PDB file of N, CA and C in Angstrom:
ATOM      1  N   MET A   1     155.994 124.958  95.227  1.00  0.00           N
ATOM      2  CA  MET A   1     156.694 124.341  94.125  1.00  0.00           C
ATOM      3  C   MET A   1     156.832 125.283  92.939  1.00  0.00           C
ATOM      4  N   SER A   2     155.994 126.277  92.864  1.00  0.00           N
ATOM      5  CA  SER A   2     156.004 127.237  91.755  1.00  0.00           C
ATOM      6  C   SER A   2     155.805 126.541  90.411  1.00  0.00           C
ATOM      7  N   VAL A   3     154.790 125.696  90.343  1.00  0.00           N
ATOM      8  CA  VAL A   3     154.435 124.998  89.114  1.00  0.00           C
ATOM      9  C   VAL A   3     153.044 125.458  88.704  1.00  0.00           C
ATOM     10  N   LYS A   4     152.905 125.922  87.458  1.00  0.00           N
ATOM     11  CA  LYS A   4     151.609 126.361  86.965  1.00  0.00           C
ATOM     12  C   LYS A   4     150.838 125.150  86.443  1.00  0.00           C
ATOM     13  N   VAL A   5     149.683 124.868  87.041  1.00  0.00           N
ATOM     14  CA  VAL A   5     148.845 123.757  86.623  1.00  0.00           C
ATOM     15  C   VAL A   5     147.914 124.252  85.516  1.00  0.00           C
ATOM     16  N   LEU A   6     148.005 123.593  84.358  1.00  0.00           N
ATOM     17  CA  LEU A   6     147.161 123.960  83.224  1.00  0.00           C
ATOM     18  C   LEU A   6     145.798 123.279  83.322  1.00  0.00           C
ATOM     19  N   THR A   7     145.800 121.985  83.615  1.00  0.00           N
ATOM     20  CA  THR A   7     144.565 121.237  83.835  1.00  0.00           C
ATOM     21  C   THR A   7     144.823 120.153  84.868  1.00  0.00           C
ATOM     22  N   CYS A   8     143.756 119.703  85.494  1.00  0.00           N
ATOM     23  CA  CYS A   8     143.848 118.621  86.477  1.00  0.00           C
ATOM     24  C   CYS A   8     142.560 117.807  86.379  1.00  0.00           C
ATOM     25  N   PHE A   9     142.713 116.506  86.089  1.00  0.00           N
ATOM     26  CA  PHE A   9     141.562 115.630  85.945  1.00  0.00           C
ATOM     27  C   PHE A   9     141.725 114.415  86.838  1.00  0.00           C
ATOM     28  N   GLU A  10     140.645 114.019  87.505  1.00  0.00           N
ATOM     29  CA  GLU A  10     140.678 112.766  88.254  1.00  0.00           C
ATOM     30  C   GLU A  10     140.608 111.616  87.260  1.00  0.00           C
ATOM     31  N   VAL A  11     141.426 110.592  87.473  1.00  0.00           N
ATOM     32  CA  VAL A  11     141.470 109.412  86.614  1.00  0.00           C
ATOM     33  C   VAL A  11     141.425 108.167  87.484  1.00  0.00           C
ATOM     34  N   LYS A  12     141.238 107.017  86.859  1.00  0.00           N
ATOM     35  CA  LYS A  12     141.278 105.763  87.603  1.00  0.00           C
ATOM     36  C   LYS A  12     142.700 105.510  88.074  1.00  0.00           C
ATOM     37  N   PRO A  13     142.871 105.081  89.324  1.00  0.00           N
ATOM     38  CA  PRO A  13     144.220 104.796  89.823  1.00  0.00           C
ATOM     39  C   PRO A  13     144.876 103.667  89.028  1.00  0.00           C
ATOM     40  N   ARG A  14     146.179 103.788  88.841  1.00  0.00           N
ATOM     41  CA  ARG A  14     146.922 102.711  88.198  1.00  0.00           C
ATOM     42  C   ARG A  14     146.879 101.494  89.092  1.00  0.00           C
ATOM     43  N   ARG A  15     146.890 100.348  88.459  1.00  0.00           N
ATOM     44  CA  ARG A  15     146.971  99.117  89.243  1.00  0.00           C
ATOM     45  C   ARG A  15     147.846  98.126  88.523  1.00  0.00           C
ATOM     46  N   ARG A  16     148.475  97.294  89.307  1.00  0.00           N
ATOM     47  CA  ARG A  16     149.329  96.252  88.739  1.00  0.00           C
ATOM     48  C   ARG A  16     148.439  95.166  88.141  1.00  0.00           C
ATOM     49  N   TYR A  17     149.035  94.331  87.316  1.00  0.00           N
ATOM     50  CA  TYR A  17     148.272  93.270  86.666  1.00  0.00           C
ATOM     51  C   TYR A  17     147.596  92.335  87.658  1.00  0.00           C
ATOM     52  N   ASP A  18     148.202  92.141  88.815  1.00  0.00           N
ATOM     53  CA  ASP A  18     147.650  91.226  89.807  1.00  0.00           C
ATOM     54  C   ASP A  18     146.715  91.916  90.801  1.00  0.00           C
ATOM     55  N   GLU A  19     146.393  93.185  90.577  1.00  0.00           N
ATOM     56  CA  GLU A  19     145.497  93.918  91.471  1.00  0.00           C
ATOM     57  C   GLU A  19     144.111  94.055  90.837  1.00  0.00           C
ATOM     58  N   SER A  20     143.092  93.984  91.690  1.00  0.00           N
ATOM     59  CA  SER A  20     141.726  94.201  91.223  1.00  0.00           C
ATOM     60  C   SER A  20     141.336  95.655  91.495  1.00  0.00           C
ATOM     61  N   GLU A  21     140.176  96.037  91.015  1.00  0.00           N
ATOM     62  CA  GLU A  21     139.702  97.398  91.291  1.00  0.00           C
ATOM     63  C   GLU A  21     139.478  97.604  92.788  1.00  0.00           C
ATOM     64  N   ASP A  22     139.116  96.544  93.496  1.00  0.00           N
ATOM     65  CA  ASP A  22     138.952  96.651  94.949  1.00  0.00           C
ATOM     66  C   ASP A  22     140.273  96.974  95.648  1.00  0.00           C
ATOM     67  N   ASP A  23     141.392  96.488  95.085  1.00  0.00           N
ATOM     68  CA  ASP A  23     142.706  96.741  95.680  1.00  0.00           C
ATOM     69  C   ASP A  23     143.098  98.212  95.641  1.00  0.00           C
ATOM     70  N   VAL A  24     142.545  98.958  94.698  1.00  0.00           N
ATOM     71  CA  VAL A  24     142.901 100.372  94.563  1.00  0.00           C
ATOM     72  C   VAL A  24     141.743 101.295  94.951  1.00  0.00           C
ATOM     73  N   ARG A  25     140.744 100.745  95.586  1.00  0.00           N
ATOM     74  CA  ARG A  25     139.551 101.513  95.955  1.00  0.00           C
ATOM     75  C   ARG A  25     139.876 102.707  96.859  1.00  0.00           C
ATOM     76  N   ASP A  26     140.850 102.572  97.745  1.00  0.00           N
ATOM     77  CA  ASP A  26     141.188 103.637  98.688  1.00  0.00           C
ATOM     78  C   ASP A  26     142.226 104.607  98.133  1.00  0.00           C
ATOM     79  N   LYS A  27     142.520 104.533  96.832  1.00  0.00           N
ATOM     80  CA  LYS A  27     143.507 105.418  96.211  1.00  0.00           C
ATOM     81  C   LYS A  27     142.811 106.425  95.297  1.00  0.00           C
ATOM     82  N   LYS A  28     143.435 107.574  95.135  1.00  0.00           N
ATOM     83  CA  LYS A  28     142.974 108.600  94.200  1.00  0.00           C
ATOM     84  C   LYS A  28     144.097 108.871  93.223  1.00  0.00           C
ATOM     85  N   ALA A  29     143.742 109.198  91.990  1.00  0.00           N
ATOM     86  CA  ALA A  29     144.749 109.516  90.978  1.00  0.00           C
ATOM     87  C   ALA A  29     144.263 110.702  90.152  1.00  0.00           C
ATOM     88  N   PHE A  30     145.222 111.522  89.730  1.00  0.00           N
ATOM     89  CA  PHE A  30     144.899 112.710  88.945  1.00  0.00           C
ATOM     90  C   PHE A  30     145.903 112.859  87.819  1.00  0.00           C
ATOM     91  N   ARG A  31     145.429 113.331  86.689  1.00  0.00           N
ATOM     92  CA  ARG A  31     146.320 113.697  85.587  1.00  0.00           C
ATOM     93  C   ARG A  31     146.464 115.211  85.634  1.00  0.00           C
ATOM     94  N   VAL A  32     147.664 115.651  85.910  1.00  0.00           N
ATOM     95  CA  VAL A  32     147.950 117.075  86.034  1.00  0.00           C
ATOM     96  C   VAL A  32     148.798 117.492  84.835  1.00  0.00           C
ATOM     97  N   CYS A  33     148.320 118.462  84.088  1.00  0.00           N
ATOM     98  CA  CYS A  33     149.077 118.955  82.928  1.00  0.00           C
ATOM     99  C   CYS A  33     149.799 120.233  83.323  1.00  0.00           C
ATOM    100  N   ILE A  34     151.103 120.242  83.053  1.00  0.00           N
ATOM    101  CA  ILE A  34     151.957 121.388  83.380  1.00  0.00           C
ATOM    102  C   ILE A  34     152.876 121.653  82.193  1.00  0.00           C
ATOM    103  N   TYR A  35     153.612 122.733  82.251  1.00  0.00           N
ATOM    104  CA  TYR A  35     154.622 123.004  81.227  1.00  0.00           C
ATOM    105  C   TYR A  35     155.803 122.058  81.426  1.00  0.00           C
ATOM    106  N   ALA A  36     156.369 121.592  80.305  1.00  0.00           N
ATOM    107  CA  ALA A  36     157.456 120.614  80.343  1.00  0.00           C
ATOM    108  C   ALA A  36     158.653 121.096  81.146  1.00  0.00           C
ATOM    109  N   ASP A  37     158.949 122.397  81.105  1.00  0.00           N
ATOM    110  CA  ASP A  37     160.125 122.901  81.823  1.00  0.00           C
ATOM    111  C   ASP A  37     159.918 122.962  83.334  1.00  0.00           C
ATOM    112  N   GLU A  38     158.724 122.646  83.812  1.00  0.00           N
ATOM    113  CA  GLU A  38     158.451 122.614  85.256  1.00  0.00           C
ATOM    114  C   GLU A  38     158.323 121.190  85.788  1.00  0.00           C
ATOM    115  N   LEU A  39     158.515 120.195  84.918  1.00  0.00           N
ATOM    116  CA  LEU A  39     158.315 118.797  85.310  1.00  0.00           C
ATOM    117  C   LEU A  39     159.234 118.363  86.443  1.00  0.00           C
ATOM    118  N   ASP A  40     160.496 118.742  86.395  1.00  0.00           N
ATOM    119  CA  ASP A  40     161.434 118.335  87.446  1.00  0.00           C
ATOM    120  C   ASP A  40     160.984 118.808  88.821  1.00  0.00           C
ATOM    121  N   ARG A  41     160.430 120.007  88.900  1.00  0.00           N
ATOM    122  CA  ARG A  41     159.947 120.519  90.199  1.00  0.00           C
ATOM    123  C   ARG A  41     158.753 119.708  90.693  1.00  0.00           C
ATOM    124  N   LEU A  42     157.843 119.358  89.784  1.00  0.00           N
ATOM    125  CA  LEU A  42     156.660 118.591  90.183  1.00  0.00           C
ATOM    126  C   LEU A  42     157.039 117.180  90.628  1.00  0.00           C
ATOM    127  N   LEU A  43     158.012 116.582  89.981  1.00  0.00           N
ATOM    128  CA  LEU A  43     158.411 115.206  90.296  1.00  0.00           C
ATOM    129  C   LEU A  43     159.367 115.089  91.471  1.00  0.00           C
ATOM    130  N   GLU A  44     159.732 116.185  92.088  1.00  0.00           N
ATOM    131  CA  GLU A  44     160.652 116.175  93.222  1.00  0.00           C
ATOM    132  C   GLU A  44     159.984 115.493  94.425  1.00  0.00           C
ATOM    133  N   ALA A  45     160.439 114.295  94.738  1.00  0.00           N
ATOM    134  CA  ALA A  45     159.803 113.464  95.760  1.00  0.00           C
ATOM    135  C   ALA A  45     159.769 114.141  97.135  1.00  0.00           C
ATOM    136  N   GLU A  46     160.813 114.887  97.469  1.00  0.00           N
ATOM    137  CA  GLU A  46     160.892 115.519  98.794  1.00  0.00           C
ATOM    138  C   GLU A  46     159.823 116.599  98.991  1.00  0.00           C
ATOM    139  N   ALA A  47     159.234 117.086  97.913  1.00  0.00           N
ATOM    140  CA  ALA A  47     158.234 118.146  98.002  1.00  0.00           C
ATOM    141  C   ALA A  47     156.850 117.606  98.363  1.00  0.00           C
ATOM    142  N   TRP A  48     156.686 116.294  98.321  1.00  0.00           N
ATOM    143  CA  TRP A  48     155.381 115.672  98.542  1.00  0.00           C
ATOM    144  C   TRP A  48     155.360 114.899  99.855  1.00  0.00           C
ATOM    145  N   PRO A  49     154.181 114.762 100.470  1.00  0.00           N
ATOM    146  CA  PRO A  49     154.087 113.910 101.668  1.00  0.00           C
ATOM    147  C   PRO A  49     154.500 112.471 101.331  1.00  0.00           C
ATOM    148  N   GLU A  50     154.896 111.739 102.336  1.00  0.00           N
ATOM    149  CA  GLU A  50     155.414 110.385 102.152  1.00  0.00           C
ATOM    150  C   GLU A  50     154.422 109.452 101.452  1.00  0.00           C
ATOM    151  N   TYR A  51     153.131 109.640 101.675  1.00  0.00           N
ATOM    152  CA  TYR A  51     152.111 108.746 101.121  1.00  0.00           C
ATOM    153  C   TYR A  51     151.665 109.129  99.704  1.00  0.00           C
ATOM    154  N   VAL A  52     152.253 110.167  99.113  1.00  0.00           N
ATOM    155  CA  VAL A  52     151.896 110.609  97.764  1.00  0.00           C
ATOM    156  C   VAL A  52     152.969 110.147  96.781  1.00  0.00           C
ATOM    157  N   THR A  53     152.523 109.576  95.667  1.00  0.00           N
ATOM    158  CA  THR A  53     153.427 109.162  94.596  1.00  0.00           C
ATOM    159  C   THR A  53     153.129 110.006  93.372  1.00  0.00           C
ATOM    160  N   VAL A  54     154.151 110.601  92.795  1.00  0.00           N
ATOM    161  CA  VAL A  54     154.006 111.425  91.599  1.00  0.00           C
ATOM    162  C   VAL A  54     154.898 110.827  90.522  1.00  0.00           C
ATOM    163  N   SER A  55     154.333 110.643  89.334  1.00  0.00           N
ATOM    164  CA  SER A  55     155.111 110.056  88.241  1.00  0.00           C
ATOM    165  C   SER A  55     154.675 110.652  86.914  1.00  0.00           C
ATOM    166  N   THR A  56     155.487 110.428  85.880  1.00  0.00           N
ATOM    167  CA  THR A  56     155.115 110.911  84.555  1.00  0.00           C
ATOM    168  C   THR A  56     153.940 110.098  84.034  1.00  0.00           C
ATOM    169  N   TRP A  57     153.212 110.694  83.123  1.00  0.00           N
ATOM    170  CA  TRP A  57     151.988 110.100  82.603  1.00  0.00           C
ATOM    171  C   TRP A  57     152.287 109.180  81.426  1.00  0.00           C
ATOM    172  N   PHE A  58     151.717 107.996  81.465  1.00  0.00           N
ATOM    173  CA  PHE A  58     151.786 107.055  80.353  1.00  0.00           C
ATOM    174  C   PHE A  58     150.365 106.806  79.883  1.00  0.00           C
ATOM    175  N   THR A  59     150.207 106.616  78.592  1.00  0.00           N
ATOM    176  CA  THR A  59     148.884 106.305  78.063  1.00  0.00           C
ATOM    177  C   THR A  59     149.010 105.220  77.015  1.00  0.00           C
ATOM    178  N   LYS A  60     147.964 104.439  76.895  1.00  0.00           N
ATOM    179  CA  LYS A  60     147.918 103.414  75.856  1.00  0.00           C
ATOM    180  C   LYS A  60     147.065 103.942  74.718  1.00  0.00           C
ATOM    181  N   SER A  61     147.425 103.562  73.521  1.00  0.00           N
ATOM    182  CA  SER A  61     146.684 103.988  72.338  1.00  0.00           C
ATOM    183  C   SER A  61     145.293 103.367  72.336  1.00  0.00           C
ATOM    184  N   ARG A  62     144.321 104.113  71.865  1.00  0.00           N
ATOM    185  CA  ARG A  62     142.953 103.599  71.727  1.00  0.00           C
ATOM    186  C   ARG A  62     142.630 103.330  70.264  1.00  0.00           C
ATOM    187  N   GLY A  63     143.615 103.090  69.499  1.00  0.00           N
ATOM    188  CA  GLY A  63     143.448 102.877  68.063  1.00  0.00           C
ATOM    189  C   GLY A  63     144.586 103.571  67.361  1.00  0.00           C
ATOM    190  N   ASN A  64     145.216 102.891  66.472  1.00  0.00           N
ATOM    191  CA  ASN A  64     146.382 103.444  65.802  1.00  0.00           C
ATOM    192  C   ASN A  64     145.977 103.977  64.448  1.00  0.00           C
ATOM    193  N   SER A  65     145.750 105.279  64.336  1.00  0.00           N
ATOM    194  CA  SER A  65     145.358 105.890  63.075  1.00  0.00           C
ATOM    195  C   SER A  65     146.550 106.100  62.159  1.00  0.00           C
ATOM    196  N   ASN A  66     147.765 106.028  62.708  1.00  0.00           N
ATOM    197  CA  ASN A  66     148.975 106.203  61.915  1.00  0.00           C
ATOM    198  C   ASN A  66     149.842 104.970  62.112  1.00  0.00           C
ATOM    199  N   ALA A  67     149.861 104.096  61.114  1.00  0.00           N
ATOM    200  CA  ALA A  67     150.550 102.809  61.239  1.00  0.00           C
ATOM    201  C   ALA A  67     152.059 102.968  61.396  1.00  0.00           C
ATOM    202  N   ASN A  68     152.633 104.109  61.031  1.00  0.00           N
ATOM    203  CA  ASN A  68     154.069 104.315  61.118  1.00  0.00           C
ATOM    204  C   ASN A  68     154.533 104.756  62.494  1.00  0.00           C
ATOM    205  N   VAL A  69     153.609 105.037  63.399  1.00  0.00           N
ATOM    206  CA  VAL A  69     153.957 105.529  64.728  1.00  0.00           C
ATOM    207  C   VAL A  69     153.648 104.447  65.748  1.00  0.00           C
ATOM    208  N   ASP A  70     154.644 104.111  66.576  1.00  0.00           N
ATOM    209  CA  ASP A  70     154.431 103.121  67.622  1.00  0.00           C
ATOM    210  C   ASP A  70     153.779 103.812  68.813  1.00  0.00           C
ATOM    211  N   THR A  71     152.474 103.612  68.964  1.00  0.00           N
ATOM    212  CA  THR A  71     151.735 104.271  70.044  1.00  0.00           C
ATOM    213  C   THR A  71     151.291 103.273  71.099  1.00  0.00           C
ATOM    214  N   LYS A  72     151.913 102.089  71.140  1.00  0.00           N
ATOM    215  CA  LYS A  72     151.526 101.109  72.138  1.00  0.00           C
ATOM    216  C   LYS A  72     151.664 101.680  73.542  1.00  0.00           C
ATOM    217  N   ARG A  73     152.737 102.421  73.768  1.00  0.00           N
ATOM    218  CA  ARG A  73     152.945 103.044  75.072  1.00  0.00           C
ATOM    219  C   ARG A  73     153.669 104.354  74.842  1.00  0.00           C
ATOM    220  N   MET A  74     152.972 105.454  74.999  1.00  0.00           N
ATOM    221  CA  MET A  74     153.548 106.767  74.775  1.00  0.00           C
ATOM    222  C   MET A  74     153.903 107.389  76.111  1.00  0.00           C
ATOM    223  N   ARG A  75     155.014 108.091  76.176  1.00  0.00           N
ATOM    224  CA  ARG A  75     155.426 108.751  77.410  1.00  0.00           C
ATOM    225  C   ARG A  75     155.332 110.254  77.197  1.00  0.00           C
ATOM    226  N   PHE A  76     154.744 110.922  78.158  1.00  0.00           N
ATOM    227  CA  PHE A  76     154.669 112.370  78.144  1.00  0.00           C
ATOM    228  C   PHE A  76     155.473 112.864  79.316  1.00  0.00           C
ATOM    229  N   GLY A  77     156.508 113.635  79.036  1.00  0.00           N
ATOM    230  CA  GLY A  77     157.365 114.097  80.110  1.00  0.00           C
ATOM    231  C   GLY A  77     158.220 115.248  79.658  1.00  0.00           C
ATOM    232  N   SER A  78     159.330 115.460  80.332  1.00  0.00           N
ATOM    233  CA  SER A  78     160.172 116.624  80.093  1.00  0.00           C
ATOM    234  C   SER A  78     160.846 116.605  78.731  1.00  0.00           C
ATOM    235  N   ASP A  79     160.908 115.441  78.064  1.00  0.00           N
ATOM    236  CA  ASP A  79     161.555 115.385  76.769  1.00  0.00           C
ATOM    237  C   ASP A  79     160.611 115.673  75.618  1.00  0.00           C
ATOM    238  N   GLN A  80     159.389 116.077  75.926  1.00  0.00           N
ATOM    239  CA  GLN A  80     158.406 116.343  74.893  1.00  0.00           C
ATOM    240  C   GLN A  80     157.858 117.753  75.037  1.00  0.00           C
ATOM    241  N   MET A  81     157.707 118.462  73.940  1.00  0.00           N
ATOM    242  CA  MET A  81     157.192 119.825  73.957  1.00  0.00           C
ATOM    243  C   MET A  81     155.680 119.811  74.124  1.00  0.00           C
ATOM    244  N   LEU A  82     155.166 120.749  74.862  1.00  0.00           N
ATOM    245  CA  LEU A  82     153.723 120.935  75.006  1.00  0.00           C
ATOM    246  C   LEU A  82     153.322 122.191  74.258  1.00  0.00           C
ATOM    247  N   ASP A  83     152.164 122.138  73.586  1.00  0.00           N
ATOM    248  CA  ASP A  83     151.658 123.326  72.880  1.00  0.00           C
ATOM    249  C   ASP A  83     151.057 124.317  73.839  1.00  0.00           C
TER     250      ASP A  83
END
């Protein structure tokens, strides 16, 4: 894929509202940080095995220190610059 991985962390698998932790017990999830200009290559579905799902990272705020910024659901992807 020619994507430079900056960091990779194991995280809890995403689950739907109607799923319990037992429902996702057999799944693994990772947060992979890459350069924004390489995102399209990483998200290319054909490059991954059929049983692997790759998506952009979403995070929920753990406290809003800046009341003027809507941080309820932030998206990190190709439209955002990385330092």
